[in-house]
Amino acid sequence: MSLMFGYPFLAILIGTAINIGLGFFYFWLLKKTESSSSWWAVMIIGIFVFLGLGFL
């Protein structure tokens, strides 16, 4: 979609790499906090971060 709207290819690659990195970090952090009460905090904060990145 981004290519159709004329965004620079390098910006698309950098944005994709950042999103993939944050996604891996988010799910890794969820796995690390699986049996603790901080799991809920990681989950809720992660949802808001990804929703916020979607609007940028």
Protein backbone atom coordinates (compact mmCIF):
# COMPACT_ATOMS: atom_id res chain seq x y z
CA MET A 1 0.00 0.00 0.00
CA SER A 2 2.77 2.42 0.89
CA LEU A 3 4.37 2.07 -2.52
CA MET A 4 1.07 2.95 -4.18
CA PHE A 5 0.87 6.17 -2.16
CA GLY A 6 4.38 7.18 -3.20
CA TYR A 7 6.33 6.70 0.02
CA PRO A 8 10.09 6.30 -0.46
CA PHE A 9 11.19 2.67 -0.60
CA LEU A 10 13.91 3.18 2.03
CA ALA A 11 11.38 4.63 4.48
CA ILE A 12 9.15 1.61 3.94
CA LEU A 13 12.04 -0.78 4.60
CA ILE A 14 13.11 1.04 7.76
CA GLY A 15 9.53 1.21 9.06
CA THR A 16 9.01 -2.48 8.36
CA ALA A 17 12.23 -3.42 10.14
CA ILE A 18 11.26 -1.35 13.19
CA ASN A 19 7.80 -2.92 13.34
CA ILE A 20 9.18 -6.45 13.02
CA GLY A 21 11.76 -5.76 15.73
CA LEU A 22 9.16 -4.33 18.09
CA GLY A 23 6.87 -7.27 17.39
CA PHE A 24 9.54 -9.81 18.24
CA PHE A 25 10.47 -7.86 21.38
CA TYR A 26 6.81 -7.63 22.43
CA PHE A 27 6.14 -11.36 22.11
CA TRP A 28 9.49 -12.23 23.69
CA LEU A 29 8.62 -10.00 26.65
CA LEU A 30 5.19 -11.61 26.92
CA LYS A 31 6.83 -15.04 27.01
CA LYS A 32 9.33 -13.93 29.68
CA THR A 33 6.59 -12.52 31.93
CA GLU A 34 4.15 -15.36 31.31
CA SER A 35 3.82 -16.55 34.89
CA SER A 36 3.93 -13.18 36.64
CA SER A 37 1.50 -10.37 37.24
CA SER A 38 3.52 -8.01 35.01
CA TRP A 39 2.23 -9.97 31.99
CA TRP A 40 -0.91 -7.84 32.00
CA ALA A 41 1.10 -4.62 32.05
CA VAL A 42 3.25 -5.78 29.13
CA MET A 43 0.19 -6.84 27.17
CA ILE A 44 -1.75 -3.60 27.69
CA ILE A 45 1.23 -1.30 27.08
CA GLY A 46 2.17 -3.28 23.98
CA ILE A 47 -1.32 -2.95 22.53
CA PHE A 48 -1.28 0.81 23.00
CA VAL A 49 2.23 1.10 21.51
CA PHE A 50 1.22 -0.80 18.38
CA LEU A 51 -2.01 1.15 18.05
CA GLY A 52 -0.02 4.37 18.39
CA LEU A 53 2.48 3.25 15.75
CA GLY A 54 -0.38 2.48 13.41
CA PHE A 55 -1.49 6.11 13.47
CA LEU A 56 2.00 7.44 12.68
